[in-house]
C-alpha atoms as a PDB file:
ATOM      1  CA  UNK A   1      75.808 -48.589  71.927  1.00  0.00           C
ATOM      2  CA  UNK A   2      74.735 -51.930  70.564  1.00  0.00           C
ATOM      3  CA  UNK A   3      71.988 -52.175  67.552  1.00  0.00           C
ATOM      4  CA  UNK A   4      71.017 -55.461  67.935  1.00  0.00           C
ATOM      5  CA  UNK A   5      68.008 -54.244  70.665  1.00  0.00           C
ATOM      6  CA  UNK A   6      64.438 -53.880  68.861  1.00  0.00           C
ATOM      7  CA  UNK A   7      66.416 -56.131  65.534  1.00  0.00           C
ATOM      8  CA  UNK A   8      63.917 -58.044  62.965  1.00  0.00           C
ATOM      9  CA  UNK A   9      63.914 -61.410  62.720  1.00  0.00           C
ATOM     10  CA  UNK A  10      65.855 -61.179  59.826  1.00  0.00           C
ATOM     11  CA  UNK A  11      68.988 -59.390  60.261  1.00  0.00           C
ATOM     12  CA  UNK A  12      68.642 -56.469  58.112  1.00  0.00           C
ATOM     13  CA  UNK A  13      70.100 -56.851  54.724  1.00  0.00           C
ATOM     14  CA  UNK A  14      69.853 -53.364  52.704  1.00  0.00           C
ATOM     15  CA  UNK A  15      71.137 -49.761  52.330  1.00  0.00           C
ATOM     16  CA  UNK A  16      69.750 -46.485  50.559  1.00  0.00           C
ATOM     17  CA  UNK A  17      72.933 -45.065  49.788  1.00  0.00           C
ATOM     18  CA  UNK A  18      71.379 -42.302  48.243  1.00  0.00           C
ATOM     19  CA  UNK A  19      67.799 -40.666  50.115  1.00  0.00           C
ATOM     20  CA  UNK A  20      66.632 -36.675  50.647  1.00  0.00           C
ATOM     21  CA  UNK A  21      65.281 -36.837  54.043  1.00  0.00           C
ATOM     22  CA  UNK A  22      64.047 -32.897  54.474  1.00  0.00           C
ATOM     23  CA  UNK A  23      60.434 -33.054  52.655  1.00  0.00           C
ATOM     24  CA  UNK A  24      58.800 -35.791  54.965  1.00  0.00           C
ATOM     25  CA  UNK A  25      57.953 -33.319  58.233  1.00  0.00           C
ATOM     26  CA  UNK A  26      56.086 -35.108  61.170  1.00  0.00           C
ATOM     27  CA  UNK A  27      56.045 -38.637  59.315  1.00  0.00           C
ATOM     28  CA  UNK A  28      60.060 -38.604  59.249  1.00  0.00           C
ATOM     29  CA  UNK A  29      60.266 -41.062  62.504  1.00  0.00           C
ATOM     30  CA  UNK A  30      57.651 -43.526  60.549  1.00  0.00           C
ATOM     31  CA  UNK A  31      59.644 -43.217  57.268  1.00  0.00           C
ATOM     32  CA  UNK A  32      62.662 -44.170  58.711  1.00  0.00           C
ATOM     33  CA  UNK A  33      61.090 -46.736  60.967  1.00  0.00           C
ATOM     34  CA  UNK A  34      59.412 -48.411  57.939  1.00  0.00           C
ATOM     35  CA  UNK A  35      62.788 -48.716  56.283  1.00  0.00           C
ATOM     36  CA  UNK A  36      64.199 -50.722  58.935  1.00  0.00           C
ATOM     37  CA  UNK A  37      61.170 -53.001  59.582  1.00  0.00           C
ATOM     38  CA  UNK A  38      61.556 -53.824  55.625  1.00  0.00           C
ATOM     39  CA  UNK A  39      65.497 -54.612  56.361  1.00  0.00           C
ATOM     40  CA  UNK A  40      67.243 -51.460  55.192  1.00  0.00           C
ATOM     41  CA  UNK A  41      70.071 -51.243  58.509  1.00  0.00           C
ATOM     42  CA  UNK A  42      71.868 -47.931  56.528  1.00  0.00           C
ATOM     43  CA  UNK A  43      70.718 -45.164  55.313  1.00  0.00           C
ATOM     44  CA  UNK A  44      72.991 -42.295  53.472  1.00  0.00           C
ATOM     45  CA  UNK A  45      71.175 -39.216  54.260  1.00  0.00           C
ATOM     46  CA  UNK A  46      72.277 -36.417  51.455  1.00  0.00           C
ATOM     47  CA  UNK A  47      72.160 -32.455  51.651  1.00  0.00           C
ATOM     48  CA  UNK A  48      71.490 -30.544  48.229  1.00  0.00           C
ATOM     49  CA  UNK A  49      72.751 -27.218  50.190  1.00  0.00           C
ATOM     50  CA  UNK A  50      73.864 -26.237  53.592  1.00  0.00           C
ATOM     51  CA  UNK A  51      70.594 -26.374  54.936  1.00  0.00           C
ATOM     52  CA  UNK A  52      69.243 -29.493  53.703  1.00  0.00           C
ATOM     53  CA  UNK A  53      73.084 -30.742  54.723  1.00  0.00           C
ATOM     54  CA  UNK A  54      72.937 -29.384  58.111  1.00  0.00           C
ATOM     55  CA  UNK A  55      69.291 -31.420  58.673  1.00  0.00           C
ATOM     56  CA  UNK A  56      71.206 -34.439  57.381  1.00  0.00           C
ATOM     57  CA  UNK A  57      73.547 -33.983  60.166  1.00  0.00           C
ATOM     58  CA  UNK A  58      71.173 -33.548  62.673  1.00  0.00           C
ATOM     59  CA  UNK A  59      70.027 -36.951  61.512  1.00  0.00           C
ATOM     60  CA  UNK A  60      72.809 -38.856  61.416  1.00  0.00           C
ATOM     61  CA  UNK A  61      73.901 -37.436  65.340  1.00  0.00           C
ATOM     62  CA  UNK A  62      69.711 -38.436  66.067  1.00  0.00           C
ATOM     63  CA  UNK A  63      70.186 -42.255  64.620  1.00  0.00           C
ATOM     64  CA  UNK A  64      73.301 -43.246  66.816  1.00  0.00           C
ATOM     65  CA  UNK A  65      70.252 -43.525  69.593  1.00  0.00           C
ATOM     66  CA  UNK A  66      67.085 -44.632  67.507  1.00  0.00           C
ATOM     67  CA  UNK A  67      67.670 -48.203  67.730  1.00  0.00           C
ATOM     68  CA  UNK A  68      64.671 -48.260  65.502  1.00  0.00           C
ATOM     69  CA  UNK A  69      65.834 -46.379  62.646  1.00  0.00           C
ATOM     70  CA  UNK A  70      68.049 -47.545  60.103  1.00  0.00           C
ATOM     71  CA  UNK A  71      71.998 -46.405  60.681  1.00  0.00           C
ATOM     72  CA  UNK A  72      72.251 -42.925  59.333  1.00  0.00           C
ATOM     73  CA  UNK A  73      75.643 -40.909  57.417  1.00  0.00           C
ATOM     74  CA  UNK A  74      75.106 -37.393  56.053  1.00  0.00           C
ATOM     75  CA  UNK A  75      76.723 -36.503  53.032  1.00  0.00           C
ATOM     76  CA  UNK A  76      76.974 -32.735  52.104  1.00  0.00           C
ATOM     77  CA  UNK A  77      76.954 -31.008  49.439  1.00  0.00           C
ATOM     78  CA  UNK A  78      75.647 -27.876  47.191  1.00  0.00           C
ATOM     79  CA  UNK A  79      73.149 -29.570  44.034  1.00  0.00           C
ATOM     80  CA  UNK A  80      75.045 -28.223  40.442  1.00  0.00           C
ATOM     81  CA  UNK A  81      71.405 -26.119  40.548  1.00  0.00           C
ATOM     82  CA  UNK A  82      72.124 -24.456  43.282  1.00  0.00           C
ATOM     83  CA  UNK A  83      76.164 -23.662  42.135  1.00  0.00           C
ATOM     84  CA  UNK A  84      75.673 -20.077  41.263  1.00  0.00           C
ATOM     85  CA  UNK A  85      75.159 -19.283  45.446  1.00  0.00           C
ATOM     86  CA  UNK A  86      78.751 -21.916  45.489  1.00  0.00           C
ATOM     87  CA  UNK A  87      80.951 -18.791  46.922  1.00  0.00           C
ATOM     88  CA  UNK A  88      78.334 -18.380  49.971  1.00  0.00           C
ATOM     89  CA  UNK A  89      77.452 -22.347  50.214  1.00  0.00           C
ATOM     90  CA  UNK A  90      80.753 -23.616  50.458  1.00  0.00           C
ATOM     91  CA  UNK A  91      82.352 -22.173  53.712  1.00  0.00           C
ATOM     92  CA  UNK A  92      79.826 -23.453  55.228  1.00  0.00           C
ATOM     93  CA  UNK A  93      79.476 -26.739  53.854  1.00  0.00           C
ATOM     94  CA  UNK A  94      83.370 -27.345  54.618  1.00  0.00           C
ATOM     95  CA  UNK A  95      82.680 -26.568  57.803  1.00  0.00           C
ATOM     96  CA  UNK A  96      79.475 -29.099  58.205  1.00  0.00           C
ATOM     97  CA  UNK A  97      81.859 -32.018  56.962  1.00  0.00           C
ATOM     98  CA  UNK A  98      85.007 -30.851  58.823  1.00  0.00           C
ATOM     99  CA  UNK A  99      82.400 -31.019  62.546  1.00  0.00           C
ATOM    100  CA  UNK A 100      80.764 -34.855  60.772  1.00  0.00           C
ATOM    101  CA  UNK A 101      84.592 -36.169  60.147  1.00  0.00           C
ATOM    102  CA  UNK A 102      85.286 -34.807  63.982  1.00  0.00           C
ATOM    103  CA  UNK A 103      82.339 -36.873  65.513  1.00  0.00           C
ATOM    104  CA  UNK A 104      82.785 -40.287  63.560  1.00  0.00           C
ATOM    105  CA  UNK A 105      79.688 -39.794  61.497  1.00  0.00           C
ATOM    106  CA  UNK A 106      81.977 -40.916  58.068  1.00  0.00           C
ATOM    107  CA  UNK A 107      80.188 -37.844  56.184  1.00  0.00           C
ATOM    108  CA  UNK A 108      80.969 -37.750  52.026  1.00  0.00           C
ATOM    109  CA  UNK A 109      81.192 -34.162  49.872  1.00  0.00           C
ATOM    110  CA  UNK A 110      78.074 -34.180  47.593  1.00  0.00           C
ATOM    111  CA  UNK A 111      75.379 -33.964  45.889  1.00  0.00           C
ATOM    112  CA  UNK A 112      77.601 -31.930  43.524  1.00  0.00           C
ATOM    113  CA  UNK A 113      78.491 -32.405  39.733  1.00  0.00           C
ATOM    114  CA  UNK A 114      76.907 -30.675  36.404  1.00  0.00           C
ATOM    115  CA  UNK A 115      73.236 -30.808  35.066  1.00  0.00           C
ATOM    116  CA  UNK A 116      72.920 -29.486  31.889  1.00  0.00           C
ATOM    117  CA  UNK A 117      69.365 -30.883  31.174  1.00  0.00           C
ATOM    118  CA  UNK A 118      68.035 -28.158  33.859  1.00  0.00           C
ATOM    119  CA  UNK A 119      70.725 -25.681  33.373  1.00  0.00           C
ATOM    120  CA  UNK A 120      69.168 -23.372  36.336  1.00  0.00           C
ATOM    121  CA  UNK A 121      72.698 -22.549  37.277  1.00  0.00           C
ATOM    122  CA  UNK A 122      75.209 -21.055  34.852  1.00  0.00           C
ATOM    123  CA  UNK A 123      77.498 -24.125  33.605  1.00  0.00           C
ATOM    124  CA  UNK A 124      80.377 -22.272  34.581  1.00  0.00           C
ATOM    125  CA  UNK A 125      78.966 -21.284  37.957  1.00  0.00           C
ATOM    126  CA  UNK A 126      78.411 -25.615  38.037  1.00  0.00           C
ATOM    127  CA  UNK A 127      81.439 -26.102  36.891  1.00  0.00           C
ATOM    128  CA  UNK A 128      83.311 -24.352  39.713  1.00  0.00           C
ATOM    129  CA  UNK A 129      81.183 -26.003  42.236  1.00  0.00           C
ATOM    130  CA  UNK A 130      82.051 -29.051  41.678  1.00  0.00           C
ATOM    131  CA  UNK A 131      85.879 -28.709  41.153  1.00  0.00           C
ATOM    132  CA  UNK A 132      85.847 -27.119  44.535  1.00  0.00           C
ATOM    133  CA  UNK A 133      83.663 -30.046  46.059  1.00  0.00           C
ATOM    134  CA  UNK A 134      86.806 -32.161  44.685  1.00  0.00           C
ATOM    135  CA  UNK A 135      89.160 -30.269  46.004  1.00  0.00           C
ATOM    136  CA  UNK A 136      87.218 -30.160  49.449  1.00  0.00           C
ATOM    137  CA  UNK A 137      86.722 -34.239  49.208  1.00  0.00           C
ATOM    138  CA  UNK A 138      90.723 -34.504  48.567  1.00  0.00           C
ATOM    139  CA  UNK A 139      90.940 -31.981  51.413  1.00  0.00           C
ATOM    140  CA  UNK A 140      89.415 -34.162  53.961  1.00  0.00           C
ATOM    141  CA  UNK A 141      89.771 -37.222  52.336  1.00  0.00           C
ATOM    142  CA  UNK A 142      85.923 -38.389  52.148  1.00  0.00           C
ATOM    143  CA  UNK A 143      84.239 -39.968  49.892  1.00  0.00           C
ATOM    144  CA  UNK A 144      82.593 -37.975  46.674  1.00  0.00           C
ATOM    145  CA  UNK A 145      79.276 -37.773  45.699  1.00  0.00           C
ATOM    146  CA  UNK A 146      78.416 -36.895  42.005  1.00  0.00           C
ATOM    147  CA  UNK A 147      75.554 -36.005  40.187  1.00  0.00           C
ATOM    148  CA  UNK A 148      75.378 -36.353  36.317  1.00  0.00           C
ATOM    149  CA  UNK A 149      72.399 -35.418  33.984  1.00  0.00           C
ATOM    150  CA  UNK A 150      73.033 -34.822  30.280  1.00  0.00           C
ATOM    151  CA  UNK A 151      76.729 -33.869  31.025  1.00  0.00           C
ATOM    152  CA  UNK A 152      78.924 -37.088  30.234  1.00  0.00           C
ATOM    153  CA  UNK A 153      81.984 -35.393  29.038  1.00  0.00           C
ATOM    154  CA  UNK A 154      82.248 -32.292  31.233  1.00  0.00           C
ATOM    155  CA  UNK A 155      81.734 -34.400  34.243  1.00  0.00           C
ATOM    156  CA  UNK A 156      84.445 -36.971  33.292  1.00  0.00           C
ATOM    157  CA  UNK A 157      86.689 -34.393  32.191  1.00  0.00           C
ATOM    158  CA  UNK A 158      86.538 -32.941  35.706  1.00  0.00           C
ATOM    159  CA  UNK A 159      86.779 -36.046  37.508  1.00  0.00           C
ATOM    160  CA  UNK A 160      90.118 -37.254  35.562  1.00  0.00           C
ATOM    161  CA  UNK A 161      91.469 -33.543  36.268  1.00  0.00           C
ATOM    162  CA  UNK A 162      90.602 -34.654  39.791  1.00  0.00           C
ATOM    163  CA  UNK A 163      92.021 -37.986  40.314  1.00  0.00           C
ATOM    164  CA  UNK A 164      92.525 -39.961  41.732  1.00  0.00           C
ATOM    165  CA  UNK A 165      90.039 -40.500  44.587  1.00  0.00           C
ATOM    166  CA  UNK A 166      91.762 -42.815  47.751  1.00  0.00           C
ATOM    167  CA  UNK A 167      88.139 -42.155  49.914  1.00  0.00           C
ATOM    168  CA  UNK A 168      86.481 -43.907  46.765  1.00  0.00           C
ATOM    169  CA  UNK A 169      83.223 -42.329  45.358  1.00  0.00           C
ATOM    170  CA  UNK A 170      79.541 -42.664  43.938  1.00  0.00           C
ATOM    171  CA  UNK A 171      78.352 -41.941  40.522  1.00  0.00           C
ATOM    172  CA  UNK A 172      74.543 -41.576  41.954  1.00  0.00           C
ATOM    173  CA  UNK A 173      71.772 -42.131  40.301  1.00  0.00           C
ATOM    174  CA  UNK A 174      73.903 -43.395  37.509  1.00  0.00           C
ATOM    175  CA  UNK A 175      72.335 -42.645  33.431  1.00  0.00           C
ATOM    176  CA  UNK A 176      75.958 -42.968  31.668  1.00  0.00           C
ATOM    177  CA  UNK A 177      76.747 -45.835  28.866  1.00  0.00           C
ATOM    178  CA  UNK A 178      78.994 -49.163  29.402  1.00  0.00           C
ATOM    179  CA  UNK A 179      82.240 -47.202  28.323  1.00  0.00           C
ATOM    180  CA  UNK A 180      81.124 -44.185  30.888  1.00  0.00           C
ATOM    181  CA  UNK A 181      80.669 -46.623  33.878  1.00  0.00           C
ATOM    182  CA  UNK A 182      84.247 -47.912  32.978  1.00  0.00           C
ATOM    183  CA  UNK A 183      85.648 -44.820  33.207  1.00  0.00           C
ATOM    184  CA  UNK A 184      84.411 -44.238  36.386  1.00  0.00           C
ATOM    185  CA  UNK A 185      85.069 -47.263  37.804  1.00  0.00           C
ATOM    186  CA  UNK A 186      88.651 -46.864  36.817  1.00  0.00           C
ATOM    187  CA  UNK A 187      88.405 -43.895  38.649  1.00  0.00           C
ATOM    188  CA  UNK A 188      87.977 -45.251  41.931  1.00  0.00           C
ATOM    189  CA  UNK A 189      84.044 -44.178  41.736  1.00  0.00           C
ATOM    190  CA  UNK A 190      81.180 -46.713  42.081  1.00  0.00           C
ATOM    191  CA  UNK A 191      78.476 -46.854  40.043  1.00  0.00           C
ATOM    192  CA  UNK A 192      74.971 -46.534  42.150  1.00  0.00           C
ATOM    193  CA  UNK A 193      71.699 -47.599  40.483  1.00  0.00           C
ATOM    194  CA  UNK A 194      68.008 -46.385  41.557  1.00  0.00           C
ATOM    195  CA  UNK A 195      64.137 -46.540  41.145  1.00  0.00           C
ATOM    196  CA  UNK A 196      64.823 -46.116  36.871  1.00  0.00           C
ATOM    197  CA  UNK A 197      66.528 -49.944  37.165  1.00  0.00           C
ATOM    198  CA  UNK A 198      63.245 -51.731  37.831  1.00  0.00           C
ATOM    199  CA  UNK A 199      61.146 -49.515  34.752  1.00  0.00           C
ATOM    200  CA  UNK A 200      60.515 -52.163  31.910  1.00  0.00           C
ATOM    201  CA  UNK A 201      62.348 -50.011  29.122  1.00  0.00           C
ATOM    202  CA  UNK A 202      65.920 -49.911  31.573  1.00  0.00           C
ATOM    203  CA  UNK A 203      67.429 -52.670  29.722  1.00  0.00           C
ATOM    204  CA  UNK A 204      70.346 -51.006  28.680  1.00  0.00           C
ATOM    205  CA  UNK A 205      70.705 -49.969  32.428  1.00  0.00           C
ATOM    206  CA  UNK A 206      69.986 -53.375  33.430  1.00  0.00           C
ATOM    207  CA  UNK A 207      73.353 -54.872  30.733  1.00  0.00           C
ATOM    208  CA  UNK A 208      75.512 -52.347  32.382  1.00  0.00           C
ATOM    209  CA  UNK A 209      74.363 -53.504  36.276  1.00  0.00           C
ATOM    210  CA  UNK A 210      74.968 -56.835  34.858  1.00  0.00           C
ATOM    211  CA  UNK A 211      78.318 -55.887  33.777  1.00  0.00           C
ATOM    212  CA  UNK A 212      79.699 -54.000  36.460  1.00  0.00           C
ATOM    213  CA  UNK A 213      81.735 -56.223  39.176  1.00  0.00           C
ATOM    214  CA  UNK A 214      80.180 -56.692  42.152  1.00  0.00           C
ATOM    215  CA  UNK A 215      82.436 -54.039  44.218  1.00  0.00           C
ATOM    216  CA  UNK A 216      81.919 -51.606  42.114  1.00  0.00           C
ATOM    217  CA  UNK A 217      77.977 -51.327  42.740  1.00  0.00           C
ATOM    218  CA  UNK A 218      75.930 -49.576  44.762  1.00  0.00           C
ATOM    219  CA  UNK A 219      71.985 -48.816  45.388  1.00  0.00           C
ATOM    220  CA  UNK A 220      69.690 -46.029  46.094  1.00  0.00           C
ATOM    221  CA  UNK A 221      66.167 -44.726  46.131  1.00  0.00           C
ATOM    222  CA  UNK A 222      67.231 -40.260  45.150  1.00  0.00           C
ATOM    223  CA  UNK A 223      63.722 -40.649  47.747  1.00  0.00           C
ATOM    224  CA  UNK A 224      61.577 -38.762  47.875  1.00  0.00           C
ATOM    225  CA  UNK A 225      61.787 -38.898  43.657  1.00  0.00           C
ATOM    226  CA  UNK A 226      61.582 -41.863  41.372  1.00  0.00           C
ATOM    227  CA  UNK A 227      59.867 -44.384  43.125  1.00  0.00           C
ATOM    228  CA  UNK A 228      60.691 -48.312  41.483  1.00  0.00           C
ATOM    229  CA  UNK A 229      58.440 -49.998  40.559  1.00  0.00           C
ATOM    230  CA  UNK A 230      55.223 -51.463  42.400  1.00  0.00           C
ATOM    231  CA  UNK A 231      55.514 -47.936  43.907  1.00  0.00           C
ATOM    232  CA  UNK A 232      56.098 -45.900  40.333  1.00  0.00           C
ATOM    233  CA  UNK A 233      54.390 -42.513  40.409  1.00  0.00           C
ATOM    234  CA  UNK A 234      54.378 -42.277  44.063  1.00  0.00           C
ATOM    235  CA  UNK A 235      56.013 -40.180  46.700  1.00  0.00           C
ATOM    236  CA  UNK A 236      59.092 -43.269  47.457  1.00  0.00           C
ATOM    237  CA  UNK A 237      60.884 -43.727  50.454  1.00  0.00           C
ATOM    238  CA  UNK A 238      64.298 -45.429  52.032  1.00  0.00           C
ATOM    239  CA  UNK A 239      62.031 -48.882  53.008  1.00  0.00           C
ATOM    240  CA  UNK A 240      61.532 -49.578  48.486  1.00  0.00           C
ATOM    241  CA  UNK A 241      65.229 -49.567  48.084  1.00  0.00           C
ATOM    242  CA  UNK A 242      64.003 -53.153  48.923  1.00  0.00           C
ATOM    243  CA  UNK A 243      62.762 -53.437  45.114  1.00  0.00           C
ATOM    244  CA  UNK A 244      65.955 -51.964  43.316  1.00  0.00           C
ATOM    245  CA  UNK A 245      68.363 -54.405  45.423  1.00  0.00           C
ATOM    246  CA  UNK A 246      65.658 -57.419  43.530  1.00  0.00           C
ATOM    247  CA  UNK A 247      65.875 -55.726  40.442  1.00  0.00           C
ATOM    248  CA  UNK A 248      69.742 -55.050  40.135  1.00  0.00           C
ATOM    249  CA  UNK A 249      69.848 -59.078  41.642  1.00  0.00           C
ATOM    250  CA  UNK A 250      67.763 -60.170  38.781  1.00  0.00           C
ATOM    251  CA  UNK A 251      69.518 -58.270  36.272  1.00  0.00           C
ATOM    252  CA  UNK A 252      72.565 -60.098  37.518  1.00  0.00           C
ATOM    253  CA  UNK A 253      71.273 -64.015  38.251  1.00  0.00           C
ATOM    254  CA  UNK A 254      72.090 -63.397  41.497  1.00  0.00           C
ATOM    255  CA  UNK A 255      70.373 -64.714  44.557  1.00  0.00           C
ATOM    256  CA  UNK A 256      68.822 -60.899  46.303  1.00  0.00           C
ATOM    257  CA  UNK A 257      70.733 -62.144  49.691  1.00  0.00           C
ATOM    258  CA  UNK A 258      73.950 -62.212  47.545  1.00  0.00           C
ATOM    259  CA  UNK A 259      73.288 -59.111  46.363  1.00  0.00           C
ATOM    260  CA  UNK A 260      72.107 -57.406  49.195  1.00  0.00           C
ATOM    261  CA  UNK A 261      75.401 -58.832  50.931  1.00  0.00           C
ATOM    262  CA  UNK A 262      77.693 -57.022  48.368  1.00  0.00           C
ATOM    263  CA  UNK A 263      75.771 -53.748  48.597  1.00  0.00           C
ATOM    264  CA  UNK A 264      76.533 -53.938  52.402  1.00  0.00           C
ATOM    265  CA  UNK A 265      80.410 -54.584  51.820  1.00  0.00           C
ATOM    266  CA  UNK A 266      80.641 -51.311  49.372  1.00  0.00           C
ATOM    267  CA  UNK A 267      78.583 -49.243  51.852  1.00  0.00           C
ATOM    268  CA  UNK A 268      80.625 -49.785  54.493  1.00  0.00           C
ATOM    269  CA  UNK A 269      83.897 -49.630  52.657  1.00  0.00           C
ATOM    270  CA  UNK A 270      82.775 -45.676  52.084  1.00  0.00           C
ATOM    271  CA  UNK A 271      80.756 -45.239  55.109  1.00  0.00           C
ATOM    272  CA  UNK A 272      79.509 -46.967  57.896  1.00  0.00           C
ATOM    273  CA  UNK A 273      82.372 -49.414  58.530  1.00  0.00           C
ATOM    274  CA  UNK A 274      85.525 -46.398  58.870  1.00  0.00           C
ATOM    275  CA  UNK A 275      83.808 -45.476  62.160  1.00  0.00           C
ATOM    276  CA  UNK A 276      81.592 -48.672  63.491  1.00  0.00           C
ATOM    277  CA  UNK A 277      82.214 -47.571  66.943  1.00  0.00           C
ATOM    278  CA  UNK A 278      80.507 -44.544  66.310  1.00  0.00           C
ATOM    279  CA  UNK A 279      77.468 -46.167  64.415  1.00  0.00           C
ATOM    280  CA  UNK A 280      76.429 -48.284  67.454  1.00  0.00           C
ATOM    281  CA  UNK A 281      77.383 -51.006  65.118  1.00  0.00           C
ATOM    282  CA  UNK A 282      78.268 -54.462  66.589  1.00  0.00           C
ATOM    283  CA  UNK A 283      78.387 -56.369  62.736  1.00  0.00           C
END
């Protein structure tokens, strides 16, 4: 199905590569319609356990026929906060990902990784679950979506142990330094920036965003969290990725159209461009 009908006068240019869409309730159709109206052509709906991943998959299926929504891809995984449930959750997630791939929905594996800031699951359980996701990404030849908070050394150790990643991957809501960014890029992962890139004190993040090659970048909302300026402190939503894209363009000294085009190319390589006919894309 063509997505040309109902498109805004200016072609949609923006992409949100990390959104948690399970908490909007009955407002979700309006949230997605606002994103489309703002020029967001695609969103990656991210699960953090089997229930939220199944919800993301159902949304991705529905979006094919909802021309007022952006295109949706699904990412299915178990957040490190819940890694202690890995033995029960991972087989279900594997089945969801297999189904999504078989349907041509171009899924990715995750959100997975390590979170040593909150330590809501024991660190050994986090590392075991992260490695299980790495193995699943290899088995299904899918991109990997990585969460890293205060765990840079251990995250890199596992990624290096699992490299190379032919299908690529994403360092979601990147919080490392330039040396870590370079290491992740060398492993075939892209660096994704969220709302904090717009915050006044994020000069270090903007310096990294300026230095990363254009083909190594992505942007995201991580909604409903981390709303960018000028919406900081409020509930975030996919439409607001426009502000983060603008901040990235400004940091790089680029016109926003140039930055958005590069980000869209990168998102297509990881998700949407692999099965354009299934997503109803004519672009």
